[in-house]
C-alpha atoms as a PDB file:
ATOM      1  CA  MET A   1    -113.941  25.818  37.381  1.00  0.00           C
ATOM      2  CA  VAL A   2    -113.639  29.222  35.746  1.00  0.00           C
ATOM      3  CA  GLN A   3    -115.738  30.691  32.945  1.00  0.00           C
ATOM      4  CA  LEU A   4    -114.200  33.588  30.989  1.00  0.00           C
ATOM      5  CA  ALA A   5    -116.696  36.067  29.544  1.00  0.00           C
ATOM      6  CA  THR A   6    -117.155  39.634  28.340  1.00  0.00           C
ATOM      7  CA  LEU A   7    -119.747  42.360  28.691  1.00  0.00           C
ATOM      8  CA  CYS A   8    -119.712  45.262  26.252  1.00  0.00           C
ATOM      9  CA  TYR A   9    -121.765  48.430  26.602  1.00  0.00           C
ATOM     10  CA  VAL A  10    -122.147  50.096  23.196  1.00  0.00           C
ATOM     11  CA  MET A  11    -122.833  53.831  23.654  1.00  0.00           C
ATOM     12  CA  HIS A  12    -124.197  56.433  21.232  1.00  0.00           C
ATOM     13  CA  GLU A  13    -125.573  59.956  21.706  1.00  0.00           C
ATOM     14  CA  GLY A  14    -126.189  59.679  25.450  1.00  0.00           C
ATOM     15  CA  LYS A  15    -127.689  56.196  25.239  1.00  0.00           C
ATOM     16  CA  THR A  16    -126.418  52.656  25.827  1.00  0.00           C
ATOM     17  CA  LEU A  17    -127.523  49.566  23.920  1.00  0.00           C
ATOM     18  CA  MET A  18    -129.045  47.055  26.328  1.00  0.00           C
ATOM     19  CA  LEU A  19    -130.519  43.599  25.826  1.00  0.00           C
ATOM     20  CA  PHE A  20    -133.685  42.477  27.645  1.00  0.00           C
ATOM     21  CA  ARG A  21    -133.186  38.724  27.998  1.00  0.00           C
ATOM     22  CA  ASN A  22    -136.502  37.069  27.124  1.00  0.00           C
ATOM     23  CA  LYS A  23    -135.986  34.638  24.222  1.00  0.00           C
ATOM     24  CA  LYS A  24    -133.589  31.819  25.142  1.00  0.00           C
ATOM     25  CA  PRO A  25    -134.910  28.728  26.941  1.00  0.00           C
ATOM     26  CA  ASN A  26    -133.433  28.147  30.420  1.00  0.00           C
ATOM     27  CA  ASP A  27    -131.681  31.551  30.360  1.00  0.00           C
ATOM     28  CA  TYR A  28    -130.180  32.262  33.804  1.00  0.00           C
ATOM     29  CA  HIS A  29    -130.583  35.990  32.994  1.00  0.00           C
ATOM     30  CA  GLU A  30    -134.221  35.756  31.848  1.00  0.00           C
ATOM     31  CA  GLY A  31    -136.213  38.893  32.633  1.00  0.00           C
ATOM     32  CA  LYS A  32    -133.071  40.988  33.230  1.00  0.00           C
ATOM     33  CA  TRP A  33    -131.449  43.718  31.126  1.00  0.00           C
ATOM     34  CA  ASN A  34    -127.780  43.135  30.289  1.00  0.00           C
ATOM     35  CA  GLY A  35    -124.995  44.562  28.248  1.00  0.00           C
ATOM     36  CA  LEU A  36    -123.959  42.483  25.243  1.00  0.00           C
ATOM     37  CA  GLY A  37    -121.518  39.673  25.714  1.00  0.00           C
ATOM     38  CA  GLY A  38    -120.908  36.086  26.566  1.00  0.00           C
ATOM     39  CA  LYS A  39    -118.433  33.270  26.898  1.00  0.00           C
ATOM     40  CA  PHE A  40    -115.023  33.131  25.265  1.00  0.00           C
ATOM     41  CA  GLU A  41    -114.489  30.765  22.362  1.00  0.00           C
ATOM     42  CA  GLN A  42    -111.224  28.842  21.905  1.00  0.00           C
ATOM     43  CA  GLY A  43    -108.246  31.125  21.255  1.00  0.00           C
ATOM     44  CA  GLU A  44    -110.101  34.441  21.650  1.00  0.00           C
ATOM     45  CA  SER A  45    -108.715  37.501  23.370  1.00  0.00           C
ATOM     46  CA  PRO A  46    -111.129  39.517  25.528  1.00  0.00           C
ATOM     47  CA  GLU A  47    -111.461  42.026  22.674  1.00  0.00           C
ATOM     48  CA  ASP A  48    -112.112  39.257  20.116  1.00  0.00           C
ATOM     49  CA  CYS A  49    -114.880  37.868  22.322  1.00  0.00           C
ATOM     50  CA  ALA A  50    -116.516  41.268  22.871  1.00  0.00           C
ATOM     51  CA  ILE A  51    -116.476  42.073  19.127  1.00  0.00           C
ATOM     52  CA  ARG A  52    -117.917  38.665  18.172  1.00  0.00           C
ATOM     53  CA  GLU A  53    -120.601  38.723  20.875  1.00  0.00           C
ATOM     54  CA  VAL A  54    -121.753  42.254  19.979  1.00  0.00           C
ATOM     55  CA  GLU A  55    -122.031  41.227  16.329  1.00  0.00           C
ATOM     56  CA  GLU A  56    -123.905  37.990  17.141  1.00  0.00           C
ATOM     57  CA  GLU A  57    -126.327  39.604  19.590  1.00  0.00           C
ATOM     58  CA  SER A  58    -126.929  42.953  17.868  1.00  0.00           C
ATOM     59  CA  GLY A  59    -125.683  42.852  14.281  1.00  0.00           C
ATOM     60  CA  LEU A  60    -123.381  45.829  14.948  1.00  0.00           C
ATOM     61  CA  LEU A  61    -119.955  45.653  13.317  1.00  0.00           C
ATOM     62  CA  MET A  62    -116.592  47.335  13.614  1.00  0.00           C
ATOM     63  CA  ILE A  63    -116.868  48.112  17.301  1.00  0.00           C
ATOM     64  CA  GLU A  64    -113.707  49.298  19.020  1.00  0.00           C
ATOM     65  CA  PRO A  65    -113.942  47.939  22.559  1.00  0.00           C
ATOM     66  CA  GLU A  66    -112.208  49.861  25.328  1.00  0.00           C
ATOM     67  CA  MET A  67    -111.551  47.840  28.476  1.00  0.00           C
ATOM     68  CA  LYS A  68    -112.993  49.538  31.557  1.00  0.00           C
ATOM     69  CA  GLY A  69    -112.733  46.821  34.154  1.00  0.00           C
ATOM     70  CA  PHE A  70    -112.664  43.237  35.297  1.00  0.00           C
ATOM     71  CA  ILE A  71    -115.115  41.542  37.651  1.00  0.00           C
ATOM     72  CA  THR A  72    -114.913  38.183  39.375  1.00  0.00           C
ATOM     73  CA  PHE A  73    -118.259  36.568  40.213  1.00  0.00           C
ATOM     74  CA  PRO A  74    -117.424  33.573  42.457  1.00  0.00           C
ATOM     75  CA  MET A  75    -119.873  30.708  41.879  1.00  0.00           C
ATOM     76  CA  PHE A  76    -122.290  33.154  40.209  1.00  0.00           C
ATOM     77  CA  ASP A  77    -124.432  30.437  38.641  1.00  0.00           C
ATOM     78  CA  GLY A  78    -123.800  28.000  41.498  1.00  0.00           C
ATOM     79  CA  LYS A  79    -121.430  25.988  39.301  1.00  0.00           C
ATOM     80  CA  LYS A  80    -118.305  28.041  38.559  1.00  0.00           C
ATOM     81  CA  ASP A  81    -116.497  31.321  39.016  1.00  0.00           C
ATOM     82  CA  TRP A  82    -117.161  33.819  36.207  1.00  0.00           C
ATOM     83  CA  TYR A  83    -114.311  36.173  35.240  1.00  0.00           C
ATOM     84  CA  VAL A  84    -115.803  38.978  33.164  1.00  0.00           C
ATOM     85  CA  PHE A  85    -113.947  41.634  31.148  1.00  0.00           C
ATOM     86  CA  LEU A  86    -116.050  44.813  30.833  1.00  0.00           C
ATOM     87  CA  PHE A  87    -115.822  47.064  27.796  1.00  0.00           C
ATOM     88  CA  THR A  88    -117.472  50.133  26.351  1.00  0.00           C
ATOM     89  CA  SER A  89    -117.517  51.134  22.705  1.00  0.00           C
ATOM     90  CA  THR A  90    -118.646  54.350  21.041  1.00  0.00           C
ATOM     91  CA  LYS A  91    -117.713  53.231  17.520  1.00  0.00           C
ATOM     92  CA  PHE A  92    -119.720  50.831  15.399  1.00  0.00           C
ATOM     93  CA  SER A  93    -121.373  50.373  12.039  1.00  0.00           C
ATOM     94  CA  GLY A  94    -124.314  48.396  10.756  1.00  0.00           C
ATOM     95  CA  LYS A  95    -127.940  48.118  11.784  1.00  0.00           C
ATOM     96  CA  LEU A  96    -129.534  46.343  14.718  1.00  0.00           C
ATOM     97  CA  ILE A  97    -130.915  42.872  14.069  1.00  0.00           C
ATOM     98  CA  ASP A  98    -133.773  41.046  15.788  1.00  0.00           C
ATOM     99  CA  SER A  99    -131.607  39.370  18.440  1.00  0.00           C
ATOM    100  CA  ASN A 100    -132.232  35.719  19.208  1.00  0.00           C
ATOM    101  CA  GLU A 101    -131.493  36.414  22.895  1.00  0.00           C
ATOM    102  CA  GLY A 102    -133.974  39.191  23.589  1.00  0.00           C
ATOM    103  CA  LYS A 103    -135.106  42.725  22.858  1.00  0.00           C
ATOM    104  CA  LEU A 104    -132.447  45.328  22.027  1.00  0.00           C
ATOM    105  CA  GLU A 105    -133.081  48.904  23.066  1.00  0.00           C
ATOM    106  CA  TRP A 106    -131.097  52.151  23.284  1.00  0.00           C
ATOM    107  CA  ILE A 107    -131.565  53.313  26.893  1.00  0.00           C
ATOM    108  CA  PRO A 108    -130.732  56.869  28.035  1.00  0.00           C
ATOM    109  CA  ASN A 109    -127.603  56.664  30.201  1.00  0.00           C
ATOM    110  CA  ASP A 110    -129.330  58.359  33.148  1.00  0.00           C
ATOM    111  CA  LYS A 111    -132.033  55.618  33.109  1.00  0.00           C
ATOM    112  CA  LEU A 112    -129.767  52.557  32.983  1.00  0.00           C
ATOM    113  CA  VAL A 113    -129.853  51.771  36.712  1.00  0.00           C
ATOM    114  CA  ASP A 114    -133.671  52.053  36.693  1.00  0.00           C
ATOM    115  CA  LEU A 115    -133.904  48.900  34.532  1.00  0.00           C
ATOM    116  CA  ASN A 116    -134.481  45.417  35.953  1.00  0.00           C
ATOM    117  CA  LEU A 117    -130.769  44.645  36.291  1.00  0.00           C
ATOM    118  CA  TRP A 118    -128.838  42.284  38.497  1.00  0.00           C
ATOM    119  CA  ASP A 119    -128.293  44.212  41.749  1.00  0.00           C
ATOM    120  CA  GLY A 120    -124.522  44.254  41.228  1.00  0.00           C
ATOM    121  CA  ASP A 121    -124.954  45.789  37.758  1.00  0.00           C
ATOM    122  CA  LYS A 122    -126.626  48.801  39.384  1.00  0.00           C
ATOM    123  CA  ILE A 123    -123.358  49.314  41.268  1.00  0.00           C
ATOM    124  CA  PHE A 124    -120.837  48.825  38.454  1.00  0.00           C
ATOM    125  CA  ILE A 125    -122.640  50.406  35.475  1.00  0.00           C
ATOM    126  CA  PRO A 126    -121.957  53.966  36.768  1.00  0.00           C
ATOM    127  CA  TRP A 127    -118.245  53.039  36.935  1.00  0.00           C
ATOM    128  CA  LEU A 128    -118.260  52.629  33.133  1.00  0.00           C
ATOM    129  CA  PHE A 129    -118.711  56.400  32.816  1.00  0.00           C
ATOM    130  CA  GLN A 130    -115.762  57.274  35.080  1.00  0.00           C
ATOM    131  CA  ASP A 131    -112.314  58.078  33.787  1.00  0.00           C
ATOM    132  CA  LYS A 132    -110.777  55.179  35.737  1.00  0.00           C
ATOM    133  CA  HIS A 133    -110.486  51.442  35.450  1.00  0.00           C
ATOM    134  CA  PHE A 134    -111.541  48.924  38.070  1.00  0.00           C
ATOM    135  CA  SER A 135    -111.116  45.398  39.321  1.00  0.00           C
ATOM    136  CA  ALA A 136    -113.939  44.047  41.452  1.00  0.00           C
ATOM    137  CA  LYS A 137    -115.488  40.992  43.029  1.00  0.00           C
ATOM    138  CA  PHE A 138    -119.260  40.619  43.328  1.00  0.00           C
ATOM    139  CA  ILE A 139    -120.674  37.916  45.586  1.00  0.00           C
ATOM    140  CA  TYR A 140    -124.063  36.346  44.859  1.00  0.00           C
ATOM    141  CA  GLU A 141    -125.720  33.399  46.606  1.00  0.00           C
ATOM    142  CA  ASP A 142    -128.641  31.633  44.926  1.00  0.00           C
ATOM    143  CA  GLY A 143    -129.048  34.587  42.535  1.00  0.00           C
ATOM    144  CA  LYS A 144    -129.157  37.129  45.377  1.00  0.00           C
ATOM    145  CA  PHE A 145    -126.543  39.901  45.649  1.00  0.00           C
ATOM    146  CA  ILE A 146    -124.562  39.707  48.905  1.00  0.00           C
ATOM    147  CA  SER A 147    -121.580  42.087  48.680  1.00  0.00           C
ATOM    148  CA  HIS A 148    -118.812  43.529  46.540  1.00  0.00           C
ATOM    149  CA  GLU A 149    -115.229  44.816  46.721  1.00  0.00           C
ATOM    150  CA  VAL A 150    -113.574  47.140  44.219  1.00  0.00           C
ATOM    151  CA  LYS A 151    -110.218  48.744  43.487  1.00  0.00           C
ATOM    152  CA  PHE A 152    -110.009  51.681  41.080  1.00  0.00           C
ATOM    153  CA  TYR A 153    -106.934  52.503  38.973  1.00  0.00           C
END
Protein backbone atom coordinates (compact mmCIF):
# COMPACT_ATOMS: atom_id res chain seq x y z
CA MET A 1 0.00 0.00 0.00
CA VAL A 2 1.20 3.48 -0.87
CA GLN A 3 -0.11 6.82 0.38
CA LEU A 4 0.71 9.89 -1.74
CA ALA A 5 0.99 13.15 0.19
CA THR A 6 2.50 16.63 0.15
CA LEU A 7 4.22 18.93 2.62
CA CYS A 8 4.47 22.63 1.83
CA TYR A 9 6.57 25.13 3.74
CA VAL A 10 5.22 28.65 3.17
CA MET A 11 8.00 31.21 3.77
CA HIS A 12 7.84 34.97 4.35
CA GLU A 13 10.38 37.51 5.63
CA GLY A 14 12.77 34.99 7.18
CA LYS A 15 10.01 32.90 8.74
CA THR A 16 8.21 29.68 7.84
CA LEU A 17 4.57 28.90 8.58
CA MET A 18 4.34 25.81 10.78
CA LEU A 19 1.40 23.93 12.25
CA PHE A 20 1.45 22.58 15.82
CA ARG A 21 -0.79 19.51 15.61
CA ASN A 22 -3.04 19.56 18.68
CA LYS A 23 -6.70 19.58 17.57
CA LYS A 24 -7.61 16.43 15.62
CA PRO A 25 -8.64 13.28 17.50
CA ASN A 26 -6.32 10.28 16.98
CA ASP A 27 -3.78 12.43 15.10
CA TYR A 28 -0.60 10.39 14.48
CA HIS A 29 1.31 13.72 14.48
CA GLU A 30 -0.22 15.05 17.72
CA GLY A 31 2.18 17.23 19.69
CA LYS A 32 4.51 17.72 16.70
CA TRP A 33 5.12 20.75 14.47
CA ASN A 34 4.68 20.11 10.74
CA GLY A 35 4.62 21.91 7.47
CA LEU A 36 1.21 22.14 5.81
CA GLY A 37 -0.01 19.28 3.71
CA GLY A 38 -1.76 15.98 3.51
CA LYS A 39 -3.07 13.21 1.34
CA PHE A 40 -3.82 13.46 -2.36
CA GLU A 41 -7.43 13.53 -3.49
CA GLN A 42 -8.57 11.75 -6.67
CA GLY A 43 -7.03 13.22 -9.82
CA GLU A 44 -4.76 15.76 -8.09
CA SER A 45 -1.23 16.58 -9.15
CA PRO A 46 1.32 17.14 -6.37
CA GLU A 47 0.95 20.90 -6.89
CA ASP A 48 -2.87 20.69 -6.77
CA CYS A 49 -2.66 18.81 -3.47
CA ALA A 50 -0.19 21.26 -1.92
CA ILE A 51 -2.31 24.29 -2.94
CA ARG A 52 -5.54 22.73 -1.62
CA GLU A 53 -3.97 21.56 1.65
CA VAL A 54 -2.37 24.96 2.37
CA GLU A 55 -5.73 26.65 1.77
CA GLU A 56 -7.64 24.15 3.94
CA GLU A 57 -5.15 24.23 6.82
CA SER A 58 -4.19 27.91 6.81
CA GLY A 59 -6.63 29.93 4.70
CA LEU A 60 -3.77 31.18 2.50
CA LEU A 61 -4.54 31.41 -1.21
CA MET A 62 -2.67 31.75 -4.47
CA ILE A 63 0.45 29.96 -3.31
CA GLU A 64 2.97 29.05 -6.00
CA PRO A 65 4.53 25.79 -4.81
CA GLU A 66 8.09 25.03 -5.89
CA MET A 67 9.05 21.36 -5.63
CA LYS A 68 12.20 20.88 -3.55
CA GLY A 69 12.23 17.15 -3.01
CA PHE A 70 10.61 13.78 -2.61
CA ILE A 71 10.76 11.52 0.43
CA THR A 72 9.73 7.90 0.83
CA PHE A 73 8.72 6.87 4.36
CA PRO A 74 8.40 3.05 4.26
CA MET A 75 5.66 1.85 6.62
CA PHE A 76 5.77 5.22 8.42
CA ASP A 77 2.47 4.71 10.23
CA GLY A 78 2.94 0.94 10.46
CA LYS A 79 0.36 0.42 7.71
CA LYS A 80 1.70 1.75 4.41
CA ASP A 81 4.54 3.47 2.61
CA TRP A 82 4.14 7.26 2.43
CA TYR A 83 5.49 9.02 -0.69
CA VAL A 84 5.70 12.72 0.09
CA PHE A 85 6.36 15.59 -2.34
CA LEU A 86 7.99 18.55 -0.54
CA PHE A 87 7.39 22.12 -1.64
CA THR A 88 8.21 25.65 -0.55
CA SER A 89 6.28 28.77 -1.48
CA THR A 90 7.12 32.43 -0.96
CA LYS A 91 3.98 33.72 -2.69
CA PHE A 92 0.52 33.77 -1.17
CA SER A 93 -2.44 35.98 -0.40
CA GLY A 94 -5.15 35.98 2.22
CA LYS A 95 -5.15 35.86 6.00
CA LEU A 96 -4.51 32.98 8.36
CA ILE A 97 -7.56 31.16 9.71
CA ASP A 98 -8.01 29.30 12.99
CA SER A 99 -6.93 25.90 11.65
CA ASN A 100 -8.97 22.87 12.62
CA GLU A 101 -5.76 20.81 12.80
CA GLY A 102 -3.74 22.90 15.24
CA LYS A 103 -2.01 26.18 15.98
CA LEU A 104 -0.43 28.07 13.07
CA GLU A 105 2.66 30.13 13.77
CA TRP A 106 5.34 31.94 11.74
CA ILE A 107 8.64 30.52 13.05
CA PRO A 108 12.01 32.20 12.36
CA ASN A 109 13.89 29.98 9.89
CA ASP A 110 16.89 29.65 12.21
CA LYS A 111 14.58 28.24 14.95
CA LEU A 112 12.74 25.62 12.88
CA VAL A 113 14.86 22.63 13.94
CA ASP A 114 14.46 23.64 17.61
CA LEU A 115 10.73 22.80 17.45
CA ASN A 116 9.27 19.46 18.53
CA LEU A 117 9.55 17.91 15.07
CA TRP A 118 9.80 14.35 13.87
CA ASP A 119 13.52 13.51 14.07
CA GLY A 120 13.75 13.10 10.29
CA ASP A 121 12.25 16.58 9.76
CA LYS A 122 15.22 18.06 11.64
CA ILE A 123 17.41 16.52 8.93
CA PHE A 124 15.45 17.48 5.81
CA ILE A 125 14.13 20.95 6.72
CA PRO A 126 17.59 22.56 6.21
CA TRP A 127 17.64 21.01 2.71
CA LEU A 128 14.64 23.20 1.79
CA PHE A 129 16.92 26.24 1.96
CA GLN A 130 19.58 24.79 -0.36
CA ASP A 131 19.73 25.51 -4.06
CA LYS A 132 19.37 21.80 -4.91
CA HIS A 133 16.66 19.21 -5.08
CA PHE A 134 16.65 15.88 -3.28
CA SER A 135 15.20 12.41 -3.20
CA ALA A 136 15.37 10.62 0.13
CA LYS A 137 14.17 7.68 2.17
CA PHE A 138 13.56 8.00 5.91
CA ILE A 139 13.11 4.84 7.98
CA TYR A 140 11.01 4.88 11.15
CA GLU A 141 9.99 1.93 13.33
CA ASP A 142 7.14 2.35 15.82
CA GLY A 143 7.39 6.15 15.47
CA LYS A 144 11.14 6.16 16.16
CA PHE A 145 13.63 7.46 13.57
CA ILE A 146 16.12 4.79 12.48
CA SER A 147 18.04 6.05 9.43
CA HIS A 148 17.91 7.92 6.14
CA GLU A 149 19.46 8.00 2.66
CA VAL A 150 19.51 10.99 0.32
CA LYS A 151 20.59 11.94 -3.19
CA PHE A 152 20.91 15.61 -4.14
CA TYR A 153 20.43 16.94 -7.68
